[in-house]
Amino acid sequence: MSLDRSNRDAPVITVGGDLVYTSAAPLHAEVDRILADKPALLVLDFAALEFIDSTGLGVIVHAWREGQQSGTALELRAVPRFLATILDMTGVTGLLARPLGDPHADAAARPAGRG
């Protein structure tokens, strides 16, 4: 993982290798640190991503959800085909397409059966 803050309004986190249970915590923490500054946009660049599990997917959803609450849009950049397929199959693509400040965003981000 690397961070580019050269554009303060749109920091870029580049994620490489495997984004899995054992490696997702640093990305989660970095997302939280960045969102605390409330940039207009947070970019997650996946050009070097090789594998992702459900924990990694959860970090993407977390970044989107927290961005919705802080007024920060989320952009996924250089999404590999396997990740695009996973995002589509899990419905995350539709979630990420929701406009910033969507009043239904919180309900959509919660697992079914939880209130």
C-alpha atoms as a PDB file:
ATOM      1  CA  MET A   1       0.000   0.000   0.000  1.00  0.00           C
ATOM      2  CA  SER A   2       1.212   3.487  -0.792  1.00  0.00           C
ATOM      3  CA  LEU A   3      -0.345   6.907  -0.322  1.00  0.00           C
ATOM      4  CA  ASP A   4      -0.136   9.941  -2.596  1.00  0.00           C
ATOM      5  CA  ARG A   5      -1.353  13.135  -0.919  1.00  0.00           C
ATOM      6  CA  SER A   6       0.009  15.488  -3.580  1.00  0.00           C
ATOM      7  CA  ASN A   7      -3.597  16.558  -4.240  1.00  0.00           C
ATOM      8  CA  ARG A   8      -4.986  17.269  -0.781  1.00  0.00           C
ATOM      9  CA  ASP A   9      -8.558  17.231  -2.114  1.00  0.00           C
ATOM     10  CA  ALA A  10      -8.127  13.814  -3.754  1.00  0.00           C
ATOM     11  CA  PRO A  11      -5.588  11.559  -2.011  1.00  0.00           C
ATOM     12  CA  VAL A  12      -4.781   8.281  -3.763  1.00  0.00           C
ATOM     13  CA  ILE A  13      -4.155   4.998  -1.984  1.00  0.00           C
ATOM     14  CA  THR A  14      -2.509   2.419  -4.220  1.00  0.00           C
ATOM     15  CA  VAL A  15      -3.252  -1.132  -3.137  1.00  0.00           C
ATOM     16  CA  GLY A  16      -1.076  -3.981  -4.370  1.00  0.00           C
ATOM     17  CA  GLY A  17      -0.623  -7.671  -3.757  1.00  0.00           C
ATOM     18  CA  ASP A  18      -3.285  -9.453  -1.732  1.00  0.00           C
ATOM     19  CA  LEU A  19      -5.983  -7.527   0.116  1.00  0.00           C
ATOM     20  CA  VAL A  20      -7.083 -10.187   2.587  1.00  0.00           C
ATOM     21  CA  TYR A  21      -7.926 -10.699   6.247  1.00  0.00           C
ATOM     22  CA  THR A  22      -4.281 -10.585   7.318  1.00  0.00           C
ATOM     23  CA  SER A  23      -3.439  -7.429   5.337  1.00  0.00           C
ATOM     24  CA  ALA A  24      -6.626  -5.338   5.327  1.00  0.00           C
ATOM     25  CA  ALA A  25      -6.186  -3.595   8.710  1.00  0.00           C
ATOM     26  CA  PRO A  26      -3.552  -1.063   7.544  1.00  0.00           C
ATOM     27  CA  LEU A  27      -5.728  -0.030   4.581  1.00  0.00           C
ATOM     28  CA  HIS A  28      -8.766   0.291   6.841  1.00  0.00           C
ATOM     29  CA  ALA A  29      -6.790   2.502   9.242  1.00  0.00           C
ATOM     30  CA  GLU A  30      -5.408   4.653   6.403  1.00  0.00           C
ATOM     31  CA  VAL A  31      -8.897   5.148   4.962  1.00  0.00           C
ATOM     32  CA  ASP A  32     -10.096   6.319   8.375  1.00  0.00           C
ATOM     33  CA  ARG A  33      -7.148   8.721   8.747  1.00  0.00           C
ATOM     34  CA  ILE A  34      -7.766  10.229   5.326  1.00  0.00           C
ATOM     35  CA  LEU A  35     -11.518  10.544   5.761  1.00  0.00           C
ATOM     36  CA  ALA A  36     -10.990  12.378   9.058  1.00  0.00           C
ATOM     37  CA  ASP A  37      -9.635  15.255   6.924  1.00  0.00           C
ATOM     38  CA  LYS A  38     -12.813  15.191   4.768  1.00  0.00           C
ATOM     39  CA  PRO A  39     -11.265  15.454   1.300  1.00  0.00           C
ATOM     40  CA  ALA A  40     -13.660  15.894  -1.622  1.00  0.00           C
ATOM     41  CA  LEU A  41     -12.531  12.577  -3.128  1.00  0.00           C
ATOM     42  CA  LEU A  42     -10.702   9.448  -2.019  1.00  0.00           C
ATOM     43  CA  VAL A  43      -9.174   7.332  -4.776  1.00  0.00           C
ATOM     44  CA  LEU A  44      -8.369   3.661  -4.297  1.00  0.00           C
ATOM     45  CA  ASP A  45      -6.048   2.500  -7.082  1.00  0.00           C
ATOM     46  CA  PHE A  46      -6.054  -1.262  -7.631  1.00  0.00           C
ATOM     47  CA  ALA A  47      -3.645  -1.499 -10.595  1.00  0.00           C
ATOM     48  CA  ALA A  48      -1.298  -3.779  -8.622  1.00  0.00           C
ATOM     49  CA  LEU A  49      -3.977  -5.816  -6.810  1.00  0.00           C
ATOM     50  CA  GLU A  50      -3.540  -9.569  -7.235  1.00  0.00           C
ATOM     51  CA  PHE A  51      -6.225 -11.003  -4.941  1.00  0.00           C
ATOM     52  CA  ILE A  52      -9.008  -9.843  -2.623  1.00  0.00           C
ATOM     53  CA  ASP A  53     -11.147 -11.681  -0.078  1.00  0.00           C
ATOM     54  CA  SER A  54     -14.331 -10.649   1.729  1.00  0.00           C
ATOM     55  CA  THR A  55     -12.370  -8.658   4.300  1.00  0.00           C
ATOM     56  CA  GLY A  56     -10.783  -6.590   1.538  1.00  0.00           C
ATOM     57  CA  LEU A  57     -14.171  -6.087  -0.054  1.00  0.00           C
ATOM     58  CA  GLY A  58     -15.429  -4.951   3.334  1.00  0.00           C
ATOM     59  CA  VAL A  59     -12.747  -2.244   3.440  1.00  0.00           C
ATOM     60  CA  ILE A  60     -14.014  -0.884   0.109  1.00  0.00           C
ATOM     61  CA  VAL A  61     -17.581  -0.800   1.422  1.00  0.00           C
ATOM     62  CA  HIS A  62     -16.342   0.805   4.662  1.00  0.00           C
ATOM     63  CA  ALA A  63     -14.547   3.519   2.679  1.00  0.00           C
ATOM     64  CA  TRP A  64     -17.708   4.203   0.694  1.00  0.00           C
ATOM     65  CA  ARG A  65     -19.979   4.252   3.768  1.00  0.00           C
ATOM     66  CA  GLU A  66     -17.692   6.505   5.808  1.00  0.00           C
ATOM     67  CA  GLY A  67     -17.211   8.745   2.777  1.00  0.00           C
ATOM     68  CA  GLN A  68     -20.978   9.096   2.491  1.00  0.00           C
ATOM     69  CA  GLN A  69     -21.098  10.282   6.099  1.00  0.00           C
ATOM     70  CA  SER A  70     -18.170  12.701   5.775  1.00  0.00           C
ATOM     71  CA  GLY A  71     -19.035  14.078   2.326  1.00  0.00           C
ATOM     72  CA  THR A  72     -16.153  12.352   0.525  1.00  0.00           C
ATOM     73  CA  ALA A  73     -16.760  10.648  -2.813  1.00  0.00           C
ATOM     74  CA  LEU A  74     -14.999   7.342  -3.465  1.00  0.00           C
ATOM     75  CA  GLU A  75     -13.390   6.463  -6.782  1.00  0.00           C
ATOM     76  CA  LEU A  76     -11.983   3.060  -7.636  1.00  0.00           C
ATOM     77  CA  ARG A  77      -9.208   3.321 -10.212  1.00  0.00           C
ATOM     78  CA  ALA A  78      -7.539   0.649 -12.382  1.00  0.00           C
ATOM     79  CA  VAL A  79      -9.934  -2.056 -11.239  1.00  0.00           C
ATOM     80  CA  PRO A  80      -8.747  -5.477 -12.460  1.00  0.00           C
ATOM     81  CA  ARG A  81     -11.300  -7.692 -14.206  1.00  0.00           C
ATOM     82  CA  PHE A  82     -11.502 -10.156 -11.290  1.00  0.00           C
ATOM     83  CA  LEU A  83     -12.310  -7.332  -8.855  1.00  0.00           C
ATOM     84  CA  ALA A  84     -14.900  -5.834 -11.220  1.00  0.00           C
ATOM     85  CA  THR A  85     -16.566  -9.248 -11.391  1.00  0.00           C
ATOM     86  CA  ILE A  86     -16.611  -9.572  -7.592  1.00  0.00           C
ATOM     87  CA  LEU A  87     -17.983  -6.039  -7.197  1.00  0.00           C
ATOM     88  CA  ASP A  88     -20.755  -6.816  -9.696  1.00  0.00           C
ATOM     89  CA  MET A  89     -21.627 -10.211  -8.209  1.00  0.00           C
ATOM     90  CA  THR A  90     -21.880  -8.842  -4.672  1.00  0.00           C
ATOM     91  CA  GLY A  91     -23.862  -5.723  -5.611  1.00  0.00           C
ATOM     92  CA  VAL A  92     -21.080  -3.391  -4.515  1.00  0.00           C
ATOM     93  CA  THR A  93     -20.889  -1.842  -7.998  1.00  0.00           C
ATOM     94  CA  GLY A  94     -24.441  -0.555  -7.584  1.00  0.00           C
ATOM     95  CA  LEU A  95     -23.685   0.668  -4.088  1.00  0.00           C
ATOM     96  CA  LEU A  96     -20.650   2.619  -5.260  1.00  0.00           C
ATOM     97  CA  ALA A  97     -22.698   4.180  -8.069  1.00  0.00           C
ATOM     98  CA  ARG A  98     -25.036   5.876  -5.601  1.00  0.00           C
ATOM     99  CA  PRO A  99     -24.576   9.645  -5.496  1.00  0.00           C
ATOM    100  CA  LEU A 100     -22.821  11.233  -2.558  1.00  0.00           C
ATOM    101  CA  GLY A 101     -25.328  12.008   0.167  1.00  0.00           C
ATOM    102  CA  ASP A 102     -27.907   9.451  -1.051  1.00  0.00           C
ATOM    103  CA  PRO A 103     -30.503   9.242   1.761  1.00  0.00           C
ATOM    104  CA  HIS A 104     -30.829   5.463   1.221  1.00  0.00           C
ATOM    105  CA  ALA A 105     -27.091   4.856   1.435  1.00  0.00           C
ATOM    106  CA  ASP A 106     -27.024   3.768   5.080  1.00  0.00           C
ATOM    107  CA  ALA A 107     -29.741   1.162   4.592  1.00  0.00           C
ATOM    108  CA  ALA A 108     -28.050  -0.200   1.472  1.00  0.00           C
ATOM    109  CA  ALA A 109     -24.710  -0.581   3.239  1.00  0.00           C
ATOM    110  CA  ARG A 110     -26.114  -2.642   6.127  1.00  0.00           C
ATOM    111  CA  PRO A 111     -26.421  -6.407   5.832  1.00  0.00           C
ATOM    112  CA  ALA A 112     -29.968  -7.710   5.422  1.00  0.00           C
ATOM    113  CA  GLY A 113     -31.785  -8.331   8.668  1.00  0.00           C
ATOM    114  CA  ARG A 114     -29.951  -5.618  10.605  1.00  0.00           C
ATOM    115  CA  GLY A 115     -31.408  -2.284  11.530  1.00  0.00           C
END
